[in-house]
C-alpha atoms as a PDB file:
ATOM      1  CA  MET A   1     -17.875   3.076  59.846  1.00  0.00           C
ATOM      2  CA  LYS A   2     -21.141   1.874  61.205  1.00  0.00           C
ATOM      3  CA  TRP A   3     -24.278   3.990  61.149  1.00  0.00           C
ATOM      4  CA  HIS A   4     -26.231   3.688  64.351  1.00  0.00           C
ATOM      5  CA  ASN A   5     -29.099   5.851  63.154  1.00  0.00           C
ATOM      6  CA  LYS A   6     -30.411   4.719  59.767  1.00  0.00           C
ATOM      7  CA  GLY A   7     -33.150   7.339  59.931  1.00  0.00           C
ATOM      8  CA  PHE A   8     -30.523  10.088  59.723  1.00  0.00           C
ATOM      9  CA  VAL A   9     -29.043   8.562  56.560  1.00  0.00           C
ATOM     10  CA  LEU A  10     -32.534   8.336  55.010  1.00  0.00           C
ATOM     11  CA  ALA A  11     -33.368  11.945  55.945  1.00  0.00           C
ATOM     12  CA  ASP A  12     -30.026  13.122  54.586  1.00  0.00           C
ATOM     13  CA  SER A  13     -30.706  11.358  51.276  1.00  0.00           C
ATOM     14  CA  ILE A  14     -34.209  12.821  51.061  1.00  0.00           C
ATOM     15  CA  VAL A  15     -32.891  16.335  51.653  1.00  0.00           C
ATOM     16  CA  ALA A  16     -30.197  15.839  49.012  1.00  0.00           C
ATOM     17  CA  LEU A  17     -32.717  14.540  46.468  1.00  0.00           C
ATOM     18  CA  THR A  18     -35.087  17.411  47.223  1.00  0.00           C
ATOM     19  CA  ILE A  19     -32.351  19.979  46.669  1.00  0.00           C
ATOM     20  CA  LEU A  20     -31.269  18.225  43.470  1.00  0.00           C
ATOM     21  CA  SER A  21     -34.876  18.159  42.217  1.00  0.00           C
ATOM     22  CA  ILE A  22     -35.293  21.876  42.905  1.00  0.00           C
ATOM     23  CA  LEU A  23     -32.055  22.670  41.068  1.00  0.00           C
ATOM     24  CA  ILE A  24     -33.053  20.589  38.042  1.00  0.00           C
ATOM     25  CA  ALA A  25     -36.477  22.256  37.892  1.00  0.00           C
ATOM     26  CA  TRP A  26     -34.877  25.714  38.227  1.00  0.00           C
ATOM     27  CA  TYR A  27     -32.431  24.884  35.424  1.00  0.00           C
ATOM     28  CA  CYS A  28     -35.245  23.717  33.114  1.00  0.00           C
ATOM     29  CA  VAL A  29     -37.315  26.852  33.744  1.00  0.00           C
ATOM     30  CA  ASN A  30     -34.317  29.118  33.092  1.00  0.00           C
ATOM     31  CA  GLU A  31     -33.351  27.212  29.946  1.00  0.00           C
ATOM     32  CA  ARG A  32     -36.864  27.601  28.571  1.00  0.00           C
ATOM     33  CA  GLN A  33     -36.839  31.328  29.366  1.00  0.00           C
ATOM     34  CA  LEU A  34     -33.502  31.779  27.605  1.00  0.00           C
ATOM     35  CA  GLN A  35     -34.800  29.991  24.515  1.00  0.00           C
ATOM     36  CA  SER A  36     -37.858  32.252  24.486  1.00  0.00           C
ATOM     37  CA  GLN A  37     -35.683  35.359  24.763  1.00  0.00           C
ATOM     38  CA  MET A  38     -33.439  34.125  21.930  1.00  0.00           C
ATOM     39  CA  ARG A  39     -36.450  33.596  19.642  1.00  0.00           C
ATOM     40  CA  HIS A  40     -37.696  37.097  20.456  1.00  0.00           C
ATOM     41  CA  ALA A  41     -34.258  38.653  19.858  1.00  0.00           C
ATOM     42  CA  ASN A  42     -33.886  36.810  16.538  1.00  0.00           C
ATOM     43  CA  GLN A  43     -37.304  38.085  15.438  1.00  0.00           C
ATOM     44  CA  GLU A  44     -36.352  41.659  16.361  1.00  0.00           C
ATOM     45  CA  VAL A  45     -33.108  41.406  14.382  1.00  0.00           C
ATOM     46  CA  MET A  46     -34.953  40.008  11.368  1.00  0.00           C
ATOM     47  CA  LEU A  47     -37.545  42.808  11.514  1.00  0.00           C
ATOM     48  CA  ALA A  48     -34.814  45.442  11.785  1.00  0.00           C
ATOM     49  CA  ARG A  49     -33.076  43.959   8.731  1.00  0.00           C
ATOM     50  CA  ILE A  50     -36.304  43.986   6.727  1.00  0.00           C
ATOM     51  CA  ALA A  51     -36.895  47.624   7.736  1.00  0.00           C
ATOM     52  CA  LYS A  52     -33.349  48.561   6.724  1.00  0.00           C
ATOM     53  CA  GLU A  53     -33.702  46.875   3.337  1.00  0.00           C
ATOM     54  CA  ALA A  54     -37.017  48.683   2.792  1.00  0.00           C
ATOM     55  CA  THR A  55     -35.566  52.090   3.696  1.00  0.00           C
ATOM     56  CA  ASP A  56     -32.526  51.464   1.492  1.00  0.00           C
ATOM     57  CA  GLN A  57     -34.843  50.726  -1.436  1.00  0.00           C
ATOM     58  CA  PHE A  58     -36.872  53.839  -0.652  1.00  0.00           C
ATOM     59  CA  MET A  59     -33.710  55.966  -0.650  1.00  0.00           C
ATOM     60  CA  ILE A  60     -32.867  54.740  -4.146  1.00  0.00           C
ATOM     61  CA  ASP A  61     -36.129  55.670  -5.880  1.00  0.00           C
ATOM     62  CA  HIS A  62     -38.130  57.683  -3.266  1.00  0.00           C
ATOM     63  CA  GLN A  63     -41.368  55.800  -3.945  1.00  0.00           C
ATOM     64  CA  LYS A  64     -43.830  54.538  -1.387  1.00  0.00           C
ATOM     65  CA  ARG A  65     -43.969  50.777  -1.365  1.00  0.00           C
ATOM     66  CA  LYS A  66     -46.026  47.993   0.085  1.00  0.00           C
ATOM     67  CA  PHE A  67     -44.727  44.462  -0.206  1.00  0.00           C
ATOM     68  CA  ASN A  68     -44.638  41.119   1.555  1.00  0.00           C
ATOM     69  CA  GLN A  69     -41.428  39.597   2.833  1.00  0.00           C
ATOM     70  CA  LYS A  70     -41.038  36.472   4.983  1.00  0.00           C
ATOM     71  CA  GLY A  71     -44.707  36.527   5.944  1.00  0.00           C
ATOM     72  CA  TYR A  72     -44.720  40.204   6.953  1.00  0.00           C
ATOM     73  CA  GLN A  73     -46.431  43.129   5.236  1.00  0.00           C
ATOM     74  CA  VAL A  74     -43.948  45.977   4.870  1.00  0.00           C
ATOM     75  CA  MET A  75     -44.987  49.569   4.143  1.00  0.00           C
ATOM     76  CA  VAL A  76     -42.334  52.206   3.594  1.00  0.00           C
ATOM     77  CA  SER A  77     -42.846  55.908   2.947  1.00  0.00           C
ATOM     78  CA  GLU A  78     -41.042  59.154   3.600  1.00  0.00           C
ATOM     79  CA  GLN A  79     -42.574  59.355   7.086  1.00  0.00           C
ATOM     80  CA  ALA A  80     -42.385  55.792   8.370  1.00  0.00           C
ATOM     81  CA  VAL A  81     -41.526  52.153   7.967  1.00  0.00           C
ATOM     82  CA  GLN A  82     -44.125  49.747   9.311  1.00  0.00           C
ATOM     83  CA  ILE A  83     -43.961  45.986   9.451  1.00  0.00           C
ATOM     84  CA  LYS A  84     -47.161  44.102  10.210  1.00  0.00           C
ATOM     85  CA  GLN A  85     -48.070  40.468  10.595  1.00  0.00           C
ATOM     86  CA  ASN A  86     -51.754  39.599  10.253  1.00  0.00           C
ATOM     87  CA  GLU A  87     -52.668  43.289  10.633  1.00  0.00           C
ATOM     88  CA  GLN A  88     -50.778  43.485  13.939  1.00  0.00           C
ATOM     89  CA  LEU A  89     -48.004  46.077  14.036  1.00  0.00           C
ATOM     90  CA  MET A  90     -44.756  44.283  14.812  1.00  0.00           C
ATOM     91  CA  PHE A  91     -42.164  46.997  14.121  1.00  0.00           C
ATOM     92  CA  ALA A  92     -42.338  50.693  13.257  1.00  0.00           C
ATOM     93  CA  VAL A  93     -39.907  53.536  12.767  1.00  0.00           C
ATOM     94  CA  THR A  94     -41.296  57.010  12.223  1.00  0.00           C
ATOM     95  CA  LYS A  95     -39.708  60.259  11.189  1.00  0.00           C
ATOM     96  CA  GLN A  96     -40.303  63.227  13.429  1.00  0.00           C
END
């Protein structure tokens, strides 16, 4: 098959490459977003586990505690569990 219009073949290739480039960029952006969400979810799970361990310990001896675990400052009392990192509150559960 002979192409009579080489400009059409060139334009077709440019359009295909443009669409492919857009798809690759979209994939990379979405992959990065998913990785960010996974890191955030893993941090939330870890903080919830630390809070559960702290409340379990409180239920055993009913004493207020302050301790450090995995770089976080944990404070547990009868009213609340607070987990801070560098004085910034990361996780809290309060009793109402």
